[in-house]
Amino acid sequence: MAATPTNSSSGPRWSSRFGFLMAAVGAAVGLGNLWRFPFQTGQNGGAVFVIIYLICVVLIAYPILMGEIAIGRRKRLSAVGSMSALARESGHSPLWGLGGLIAIIASYTVLSTYSVVSGQIIAYSIMSFTGEFANADPSAPRSLYDGTAQAIMWHTLFIGTAMFIVAKGLKDGIERLVTILMPAFFLLLAGLSVYAMKTGAAEQAITYLFSPRFDELTPDVILAAMGQSFYSIAVGTAAMITYGSYLERKENIASSSALIAGTDTLVAIVAGLMIFPVVFAFNLDPAAGMGLIFDALPAVFSNMPAGSFIGGGFFLLAFIAALTSAIIMLLVTVVFIEERFGSKRVPTVIVLGIIAWATGAASVSFDGIAELIDFAAGSIFLPVAGLFSAIVAGWIAPREVMRDELHNSSEAVFRFWRFMIRYVAPISVATVLGFGLMAHFGG
């Protein structure tokens, strides 16, 4: 007989499955899709990266996603608390909670520089709508981290917004926001993608995304694709353990995870079909890196039909994606601190928000910090945290506990998931991480 779930009737819960799905998709669909996926694709061989990315989503990220939601719902604690409690009750060391701590550190660290980028997105949306980029030269660079007071101002506005939403709580803050913004996000993304395909170099973009050049496949590409699958779906970030802790017992984790992973992957691909037709139409470099959407696209949009509106819409889209991801980056740390020290929500949010703000403000004046954090989080911390999740869900937690959490799934689905989480996912993550890091640091 399976053990009784911890705190099964206490604590906040999602009002509906739709609210949970919108929040989870919002956590997954962030700048990882609109900003990181295009430049990672451009820097790692185009279609061959996309193929490896899709394989990693199906065989690695999706099983771990299911495991993380199950862990969170089972113990209804923070990422650290849930993993530690599950390990302890299973007769193992509570130090397995270290995986949750790594995930929280990764998310909170990313939040600081993520907020700087997101603040710039707010500014660019306003500047695009007001026509400030009209007749600008696409080849003229605009520095993202230029050390100006304006950059810090927009960073302050963005992180302040995220703090306000998290302080409002689950239902009045997060759930209310995502149920409005995410449907708007999907409509805006669809409209912009159709526009880009009709006015840009659609055929060249499709070839680039879906015609692989396997001679460009390297360990670095595989590591980047796996890291992107984690980054994009929010595996290894503590997000899904935290959101899973608010999920009702009746909800089907397997089908919900499939919707989250599938929607996120579709958004990433559609984002590529939105950006690359424009990139190729104006002879831009698809491998330009993190500054692509800031350096060239504003001026490019301004030179297209209805360009000010389209450019403003693009950056508004990116802002929605950024905000729904930032709130969970902050929330996972807030929940952990509340649990560990018994602190209240509002003071905890204020203190953590100020620390993240200060770190982000400092990064404005120092080149390379954002790229370093992006690599460390996306290619090291997230896979390591995901590896911990896979081991805890597949090996530390008893079979009957996981079967109880996945009670809505058939026995065949559960057996397949258990095989993937115990063998395919952890072995793949460990192997690719090891070879990828050796290739990266070994030159």
Protein backbone atom coordinates (compact mmCIF):
# COMPACT_ATOMS: atom_id res chain seq x y z
CA MET A 1 0.00 0.00 0.00
CA ALA A 2 1.29 3.43 -0.88
CA ALA A 3 2.20 5.88 1.82
CA THR A 4 -0.20 8.70 2.56
CA PRO A 5 0.79 11.95 0.84
CA THR A 6 2.13 14.68 3.11
CA ASN A 7 -0.12 17.69 3.80
CA SER A 8 -2.61 16.38 1.26
CA SER A 9 -5.42 18.67 2.44
CA SER A 10 -3.60 21.81 3.56
CA GLY A 11 -2.00 24.79 1.89
CA PRO A 12 -2.94 26.79 -1.23
CA ARG A 13 -4.17 24.99 -4.36
CA TRP A 14 -4.77 25.94 -7.97
CA SER A 15 -8.36 27.00 -8.60
CA SER A 16 -8.49 24.97 -11.81
CA ARG A 17 -6.45 22.77 -14.09
CA PHE A 18 -6.42 25.62 -16.59
CA GLY A 19 -4.79 27.88 -14.02
CA PHE A 20 -2.08 25.31 -13.29
CA LEU A 21 -1.41 24.67 -16.96
CA MET A 22 -1.19 28.37 -17.79
CA ALA A 23 1.18 28.94 -14.88
CA ALA A 24 3.33 25.93 -15.76
CA VAL A 25 3.39 26.81 -19.46
CA GLY A 26 4.13 30.41 -18.50
CA ALA A 27 7.07 29.23 -16.39
CA ALA A 28 8.36 27.17 -19.28
CA VAL A 29 7.56 29.63 -22.08
CA GLY A 30 9.91 32.50 -21.40
CA LEU A 31 12.87 34.18 -23.00
CA GLY A 32 14.22 30.66 -23.31
CA ASN A 33 11.87 30.32 -26.28
CA LEU A 34 11.86 33.79 -27.82
CA TRP A 35 15.42 34.85 -27.11
CA ARG A 36 17.61 31.91 -26.11
CA PHE A 37 16.26 29.26 -28.52
CA PRO A 38 16.87 31.34 -31.69
CA PHE A 39 20.42 32.34 -30.80
CA GLN A 40 21.26 28.83 -29.54
CA THR A 41 19.92 27.44 -32.81
CA GLY A 42 21.95 29.97 -34.76
CA GLN A 43 25.17 29.22 -32.89
CA ASN A 44 24.79 25.43 -32.98
CA GLY A 45 24.15 24.45 -36.57
CA GLY A 46 20.47 25.23 -37.13
CA ALA A 47 18.37 22.16 -37.86
CA VAL A 48 20.76 19.64 -36.31
CA PHE A 49 20.41 21.52 -33.02
CA VAL A 50 16.62 21.52 -33.37
CA ILE A 51 16.55 17.74 -33.91
CA ILE A 52 18.73 17.01 -30.88
CA TYR A 53 16.63 19.47 -28.87
CA LEU A 54 13.40 17.63 -29.77
CA ILE A 55 14.95 14.27 -28.89
CA CYS A 56 16.08 15.64 -25.52
CA VAL A 57 12.59 17.00 -24.83
CA VAL A 58 10.87 13.66 -25.48
CA LEU A 59 13.37 11.25 -23.94
CA ILE A 60 14.86 13.29 -21.11
CA ALA A 61 13.06 16.52 -20.20
CA TYR A 62 9.49 15.17 -20.39
CA PRO A 63 10.05 12.17 -18.05
CA ILE A 64 11.90 14.40 -15.57
CA LEU A 65 9.11 16.99 -15.81
CA MET A 66 6.60 14.31 -14.76
CA GLY A 67 8.87 13.25 -11.92
CA GLU A 68 9.32 16.79 -10.61
CA ILE A 69 5.58 17.53 -10.58
CA ALA A 70 4.98 14.21 -8.82
CA ILE A 71 7.65 14.95 -6.19
CA GLY A 72 6.15 18.37 -5.51
CA ARG A 73 2.59 17.11 -5.23
CA ARG A 74 3.63 14.21 -3.01
CA LYS A 75 5.29 16.27 -0.30
CA ARG A 76 3.77 19.74 -0.91
CA LEU A 77 6.92 21.54 0.22
CA SER A 78 9.65 23.60 -1.46
CA ALA A 79 11.95 21.90 -3.94
CA VAL A 80 14.50 21.26 -1.20
CA GLY A 81 11.89 20.21 1.35
CA SER A 82 10.03 17.89 -1.02
CA MET A 83 13.15 16.07 -2.22
CA SER A 84 14.61 15.81 1.30
CA ALA A 85 11.35 14.60 2.86
CA LEU A 86 10.74 12.03 0.14
CA ALA A 87 14.28 10.69 0.48
CA ARG A 88 14.10 10.56 4.27
CA GLU A 89 10.76 8.71 4.32
CA SER A 90 12.18 6.25 1.80
CA GLY A 91 15.09 5.42 4.10
CA HIS A 92 17.68 7.52 2.27
CA SER A 93 19.74 10.56 3.15
CA PRO A 94 17.89 13.90 3.22
CA LEU A 95 20.95 15.31 1.43
CA TRP A 96 19.19 14.36 -1.80
CA GLY A 97 17.47 17.70 -1.26
CA LEU A 98 20.71 19.21 -2.54
CA GLY A 99 19.28 18.78 -6.02
CA GLY A 100 16.45 21.14 -5.11
CA LEU A 101 18.92 23.62 -3.66
CA ILE A 102 21.01 23.59 -6.86
CA ALA A 103 17.83 24.23 -8.85
CA ILE A 104 16.80 27.12 -6.62
CA ILE A 105 20.26 28.71 -6.79
CA ALA A 106 20.22 28.39 -10.59
CA SER A 107 16.79 30.03 -10.88
CA TYR A 108 17.53 32.84 -8.46
CA THR A 109 20.90 33.57 -10.06
CA VAL A 110 19.37 33.71 -13.52
CA LEU A 111 16.64 36.05 -12.25
CA SER A 112 19.12 38.86 -11.57
CA THR A 113 20.42 39.17 -15.15
CA TYR A 114 17.14 37.94 -16.65
CA SER A 115 15.49 40.97 -15.10
CA VAL A 116 18.00 43.31 -16.77
CA VAL A 117 17.25 41.80 -20.18
CA SER A 118 13.52 41.89 -19.47
CA GLY A 119 13.70 45.54 -18.45
CA GLN A 120 15.36 46.30 -21.77
CA ILE A 121 12.46 44.50 -23.46
CA ILE A 122 9.95 46.86 -21.81
CA ALA A 123 11.94 49.84 -23.04
CA TYR A 124 12.23 48.45 -26.57
CA SER A 125 8.51 47.75 -26.77
CA ILE A 126 7.70 51.34 -25.88
CA MET A 127 10.38 52.69 -28.22
CA SER A 128 9.10 50.52 -31.07
CA PHE A 129 5.47 51.56 -30.61
CA THR A 130 6.48 55.23 -30.55
CA GLY A 131 8.59 54.91 -33.71
CA GLU A 132 11.99 55.67 -32.18
CA PHE A 133 13.64 52.99 -34.31
CA ALA A 134 12.22 54.33 -37.58
CA ASN A 135 14.83 54.61 -40.35
CA ALA A 136 17.53 53.24 -38.04
CA ASP A 137 20.46 51.29 -39.46
CA PRO A 138 20.09 47.54 -38.65
CA SER A 139 23.88 47.20 -38.70
CA ALA A 140 24.34 49.82 -35.99
CA PRO A 141 24.79 47.97 -32.69
CA ARG A 142 22.91 48.90 -29.55
CA SER A 143 24.58 47.64 -26.40
CA LEU A 144 22.30 45.70 -24.08
CA TYR A 145 24.48 46.29 -21.01
CA ASP A 146 25.59 49.89 -21.45
CA GLY A 147 25.83 50.93 -17.82
CA THR A 148 23.22 53.66 -18.15
CA ALA A 149 20.73 54.80 -15.56
CA GLN A 150 17.94 53.91 -18.00
CA ALA A 151 18.94 50.24 -18.01
CA ILE A 152 18.80 50.11 -14.22
CA MET A 153 15.49 51.98 -14.22
CA TRP A 154 13.81 49.43 -16.51
CA HIS A 155 15.42 46.57 -14.57
CA THR A 156 13.93 48.07 -11.39
CA LEU A 157 10.48 48.33 -12.96
CA PHE A 158 10.52 44.73 -14.14
CA ILE A 159 11.74 43.11 -10.96
CA GLY A 160 9.39 45.30 -8.94
CA THR A 161 6.47 43.99 -11.01
CA ALA A 162 7.53 40.39 -10.40
CA MET A 163 7.88 41.08 -6.68
CA PHE A 164 4.38 42.57 -6.51
CA ILE A 165 2.80 39.55 -8.21
CA VAL A 166 4.59 36.99 -6.02
CA ALA A 167 3.71 38.96 -2.88
CA LYS A 168 0.00 38.78 -3.84
CA GLY A 169 0.08 35.00 -3.51
CA LEU A 170 -0.93 32.02 -5.63
CA LYS A 171 -4.53 32.79 -6.57
CA ASP A 172 -4.72 36.58 -6.35
CA GLY A 173 -1.30 37.11 -7.90
CA ILE A 174 0.15 34.34 -10.05
CA GLU A 175 -2.96 32.49 -11.19
CA ARG A 176 -4.93 35.62 -11.97
CA LEU A 177 -2.05 36.98 -14.05
CA VAL A 178 -1.29 33.90 -16.11
CA THR A 179 -4.90 33.12 -17.01
CA ILE A 180 -5.07 36.53 -18.69
CA LEU A 181 -1.59 36.93 -20.14
CA MET A 182 -0.91 33.45 -21.55
CA PRO A 183 -3.94 33.30 -23.93
CA ALA A 184 -2.98 36.81 -25.10
CA PHE A 185 0.58 35.59 -25.60
CA PHE A 186 -0.51 32.73 -27.86
CA LEU A 187 -2.68 34.98 -30.03
CA LEU A 188 0.07 37.54 -30.39
CA LEU A 189 2.68 34.89 -31.22
CA ALA A 190 0.46 33.36 -33.92
CA GLY A 191 -0.21 36.73 -35.53
CA LEU A 192 3.44 37.81 -35.55
CA SER A 193 4.59 34.47 -36.96
CA VAL A 194 2.13 34.65 -39.85
CA TYR A 195 3.29 38.20 -40.56
CA ALA A 196 6.98 37.23 -40.51
CA MET A 197 6.45 34.23 -42.79
CA LYS A 198 4.53 36.35 -45.32
CA THR A 199 6.89 39.32 -45.38
CA GLY A 200 10.26 37.65 -44.68
CA ALA A 201 12.43 34.90 -46.13
CA ALA A 202 10.14 32.04 -45.12
CA GLU A 203 11.66 29.35 -47.35
CA GLN A 204 15.19 30.06 -46.15
CA ALA A 205 14.04 30.00 -42.53
CA ILE A 206 12.26 26.67 -42.96
CA THR A 207 15.34 25.16 -44.60
CA TYR A 208 17.55 26.45 -41.83
CA LEU A 209 15.32 25.05 -39.08
CA PHE A 210 14.38 21.71 -40.62
CA SER A 211 17.19 20.63 -43.01
CA PRO A 212 19.97 19.31 -40.79
CA ARG A 213 23.70 19.44 -41.51
CA PHE A 214 24.95 16.50 -39.48
CA ASP A 215 28.59 17.36 -40.11
CA GLU A 216 28.02 20.20 -37.62
CA LEU A 217 26.98 17.81 -34.83
CA THR A 218 29.47 18.05 -31.95
CA PRO A 219 29.43 17.34 -28.19
CA ASP A 220 29.02 21.07 -27.62
CA VAL A 221 25.89 21.08 -29.81
CA ILE A 222 24.42 18.12 -27.91
CA LEU A 223 25.18 19.74 -24.56
CA ALA A 224 23.62 23.02 -25.72
CA ALA A 225 20.49 21.23 -27.00
CA MET A 226 20.03 19.30 -23.77
CA GLY A 227 20.62 22.44 -21.72
CA GLN A 228 18.09 24.30 -23.87
CA SER A 229 15.47 21.56 -23.38
CA PHE A 230 15.91 21.92 -19.60
CA TYR A 231 16.02 25.72 -19.73
CA SER A 232 13.00 25.94 -22.01
CA ILE A 233 10.74 23.47 -20.19
CA ALA A 234 11.92 24.69 -16.77
CA VAL A 235 13.24 21.26 -15.76
CA GLY A 236 15.88 21.51 -13.06
CA THR A 237 14.72 25.00 -12.04
CA ALA A 238 12.60 23.94 -9.01
CA ALA A 239 9.63 25.52 -10.84
CA MET A 240 7.67 22.35 -11.51
CA ILE A 241 8.28 20.89 -8.04
CA THR A 242 6.97 24.15 -6.56
CA TYR A 243 3.95 24.44 -8.86
CA GLY A 244 3.30 20.71 -8.46
CA SER A 245 3.01 21.20 -4.71
CA TYR A 246 -0.20 23.19 -5.33
CA LEU A 247 -1.74 20.58 -7.66
CA GLU A 248 -4.86 18.61 -6.72
CA ARG A 249 -4.66 14.83 -6.44
CA LYS A 250 -7.24 14.29 -9.16
CA GLU A 251 -5.11 15.91 -11.87
CA ASN A 252 -3.36 13.68 -14.40
CA ILE A 253 0.36 14.43 -14.20
CA ALA A 254 1.27 12.55 -17.40
CA SER A 255 -1.20 14.39 -19.63
CA SER A 256 -0.54 17.75 -17.98
CA SER A 257 3.21 17.28 -18.46
CA ALA A 258 2.65 16.38 -22.11
CA LEU A 259 0.64 19.57 -22.63
CA ILE A 260 3.30 21.67 -20.90
CA ALA A 261 6.23 20.15 -22.80
CA GLY A 262 4.35 20.06 -26.11
CA THR A 263 3.12 23.64 -25.87
CA ASP A 264 6.54 24.92 -24.87
CA THR A 265 8.25 23.08 -27.73
CA LEU A 266 5.69 24.35 -30.23
CA VAL A 267 6.25 27.91 -29.01
CA ALA A 268 10.02 27.54 -29.45
CA ILE A 269 9.63 26.30 -33.03
CA VAL A 270 7.06 28.97 -33.90
CA ALA A 271 9.36 31.60 -32.36
CA GLY A 272 12.06 30.41 -34.76
CA LEU A 273 9.62 30.76 -37.64
CA MET A 274 8.85 34.26 -36.42
CA ILE A 275 12.45 35.47 -36.05
CA PHE A 276 14.47 33.69 -38.76
CA PRO A 277 12.41 34.86 -41.78
CA VAL A 278 13.19 38.41 -40.67
CA VAL A 279 16.84 37.58 -39.96
CA PHE A 280 17.40 36.11 -43.41
CA ALA A 281 15.34 38.72 -45.24
CA PHE A 282 17.69 41.43 -43.99
CA ASN A 283 20.89 39.36 -44.29
CA LEU A 284 21.53 39.26 -40.56
CA ASP A 285 23.75 36.67 -38.90
CA PRO A 286 21.59 33.96 -37.24
CA ALA A 287 24.55 33.12 -34.98
CA ALA A 288 24.90 36.70 -33.74
CA GLY A 289 24.34 35.61 -30.16
CA MET A 290 22.45 37.00 -27.21
CA GLY A 291 22.15 40.51 -28.61
CA LEU A 292 20.43 39.54 -31.87
CA ILE A 293 16.94 40.72 -30.95
CA PHE A 294 18.29 43.93 -29.45
CA ASP A 295 21.05 44.85 -31.89
CA ALA A 296 19.31 44.41 -35.23
CA LEU A 297 15.64 43.45 -34.99
CA PRO A 298 14.30 46.81 -33.70
CA ALA A 299 15.61 48.65 -36.76
CA VAL A 300 14.61 45.79 -39.03
CA PHE A 301 11.03 45.84 -37.78
CA SER A 302 10.88 49.61 -38.19
CA ASN A 303 11.74 49.25 -41.89
CA MET A 304 8.95 46.71 -42.55
CA PRO A 305 5.31 47.51 -43.34
CA ALA A 306 3.54 48.56 -40.10
CA GLY A 307 6.95 48.07 -38.54
CA SER A 308 6.50 50.19 -35.42
CA PHE A 309 3.39 48.23 -34.47
CA ILE A 310 4.98 44.87 -35.31
CA GLY A 311 8.17 45.67 -33.43
CA GLY A 312 6.25 46.87 -30.40
CA GLY A 313 4.12 43.74 -30.52
CA PHE A 314 7.19 41.51 -30.70
CA PHE A 315 8.74 43.05 -27.60
CA LEU A 316 5.39 43.02 -25.81
CA LEU A 317 5.24 39.30 -26.55
CA ALA A 318 8.72 38.87 -25.11
CA PHE A 319 7.75 40.87 -22.01
CA ILE A 320 4.78 38.59 -21.28
CA ALA A 321 7.00 35.53 -21.64
CA ALA A 322 9.67 37.06 -19.44
CA LEU A 323 7.29 38.08 -16.66
CA THR A 324 5.54 34.71 -16.36
CA SER A 325 8.94 33.04 -16.05
CA ALA A 326 10.42 35.60 -13.65
CA ILE A 327 7.65 35.17 -11.10
CA ILE A 328 8.43 31.46 -10.67
CA MET A 329 12.20 32.17 -10.52
CA LEU A 330 11.50 34.38 -7.52
CA LEU A 331 8.75 32.18 -6.05
CA VAL A 332 10.88 29.02 -5.75
CA THR A 333 13.37 30.88 -3.54
CA VAL A 334 10.65 32.64 -1.56
CA VAL A 335 8.93 29.34 -0.77
CA PHE A 336 12.21 27.78 0.34
CA ILE A 337 13.12 30.70 2.64
CA GLU A 338 9.60 30.75 4.13
CA GLU A 339 9.81 27.04 4.81
CA ARG A 340 13.36 27.11 6.18
CA PHE A 341 13.11 30.18 8.42
CA GLY A 342 9.37 30.56 9.00
CA SER A 343 9.35 34.04 7.50
CA LYS A 344 6.33 35.89 6.13
CA ARG A 345 5.66 36.24 2.41
CA VAL A 346 5.90 40.02 1.91
CA PRO A 347 9.16 40.63 3.86
CA THR A 348 10.73 37.59 2.19
CA VAL A 349 9.80 38.85 -1.26
CA ILE A 350 11.18 42.31 -0.49
CA VAL A 351 14.54 41.04 0.78
CA LEU A 352 15.06 38.53 -2.02
CA GLY A 353 13.87 41.02 -4.62
CA ILE A 354 16.34 43.66 -3.42
CA ILE A 355 19.25 41.20 -3.51
CA ALA A 356 18.34 40.08 -7.03
CA TRP A 357 17.93 43.71 -8.08
CA ALA A 358 21.36 44.66 -6.72
CA THR A 359 23.03 41.73 -8.49
CA GLY A 360 21.34 42.64 -11.76
CA ALA A 361 22.22 46.31 -11.38
CA ALA A 362 25.87 45.38 -10.84
CA SER A 363 25.86 43.21 -13.96
CA VAL A 364 24.84 46.20 -16.08
CA SER A 365 28.35 47.63 -15.74
CA PHE A 366 30.31 44.41 -16.26
CA ASP A 367 30.48 42.67 -19.62
CA GLY A 368 30.33 38.89 -19.75
CA ILE A 369 28.35 38.28 -16.56
CA ALA A 370 25.12 37.48 -18.39
CA GLU A 371 26.85 35.07 -20.77
CA LEU A 372 28.64 33.35 -17.88
CA ILE A 373 25.43 32.92 -15.88
CA ASP A 374 23.58 31.73 -18.99
CA PHE A 375 26.16 29.01 -19.67
CA ALA A 376 26.51 27.97 -16.03
CA ALA A 377 22.74 27.75 -15.47
CA GLY A 378 21.67 26.36 -18.86
CA SER A 379 24.49 23.88 -19.43
CA ILE A 380 25.60 22.90 -15.92
CA PHE A 381 23.26 23.68 -13.02
CA LEU A 382 19.96 22.81 -14.71
CA PRO A 383 21.18 19.43 -16.04
CA VAL A 384 22.74 18.60 -12.66
CA ALA A 385 19.54 19.51 -10.82
CA GLY A 386 17.54 17.54 -13.38
CA LEU A 387 19.82 14.56 -12.79
CA PHE A 388 19.04 14.76 -9.06
CA SER A 389 15.31 14.87 -9.86
CA ALA A 390 15.56 11.82 -12.11
CA ILE A 391 17.43 9.82 -9.46
CA VAL A 392 15.06 10.81 -6.66
CA ALA A 393 11.93 10.05 -8.72
CA GLY A 394 13.31 6.88 -10.31
CA TRP A 395 15.51 5.33 -7.63
CA ILE A 396 15.05 6.98 -4.24
CA ALA A 397 11.25 7.12 -4.15
CA PRO A 398 9.63 3.67 -3.86
CA ARG A 399 7.80 2.41 -6.89
CA GLU A 400 4.45 2.41 -5.09
CA VAL A 401 4.81 6.08 -4.15
CA MET A 402 5.37 7.17 -7.74
CA ARG A 403 2.65 4.83 -8.96
CA ASP A 404 0.27 6.43 -6.50
CA GLU A 405 1.12 9.91 -7.78
CA LEU A 406 0.68 8.75 -11.38
CA HIS A 407 -2.53 6.90 -10.57
CA ASN A 408 -4.34 8.42 -13.58
CA SER A 409 -1.91 6.75 -16.00
CA SER A 410 -2.19 3.22 -17.34
CA GLU A 411 0.25 0.59 -16.15
CA ALA A 412 1.92 0.57 -19.57
CA VAL A 413 2.48 4.35 -19.47
CA PHE A 414 3.82 4.12 -15.93
CA ARG A 415 6.25 1.33 -16.82
CA PHE A 416 7.51 3.29 -19.81
CA TRP A 417 7.95 6.41 -17.68
CA ARG A 418 9.73 4.46 -14.95
CA PHE A 419 12.16 2.95 -17.45
CA MET A 420 12.89 6.38 -18.92
CA ILE A 421 13.34 8.10 -15.55
CA ARG A 422 15.52 5.33 -14.11
CA TYR A 423 17.77 4.60 -17.05
CA VAL A 424 17.47 6.73 -20.20
CA ALA A 425 17.17 10.17 -18.60
CA PRO A 426 19.92 9.97 -15.94
CA ILE A 427 22.39 8.11 -18.14
CA SER A 428 21.82 10.52 -21.01
CA VAL A 429 22.15 13.58 -18.80
CA ALA A 430 25.31 12.34 -17.09
CA THR A 431 26.95 11.23 -20.36
CA VAL A 432 26.16 14.34 -22.35
CA LEU A 433 27.06 16.61 -19.44
CA GLY A 434 30.43 14.92 -18.97
CA PHE A 435 31.44 14.85 -22.64
CA GLY A 436 30.03 18.30 -23.29
CA LEU A 437 31.94 19.90 -20.43
CA MET A 438 35.16 18.16 -21.46
CA ALA A 439 34.73 19.42 -25.01
CA HIS A 440 33.89 22.94 -23.84
CA PHE A 441 36.68 23.38 -21.33
CA GLY A 442 39.16 21.22 -23.17
CA GLY A 443 39.02 23.54 -26.18
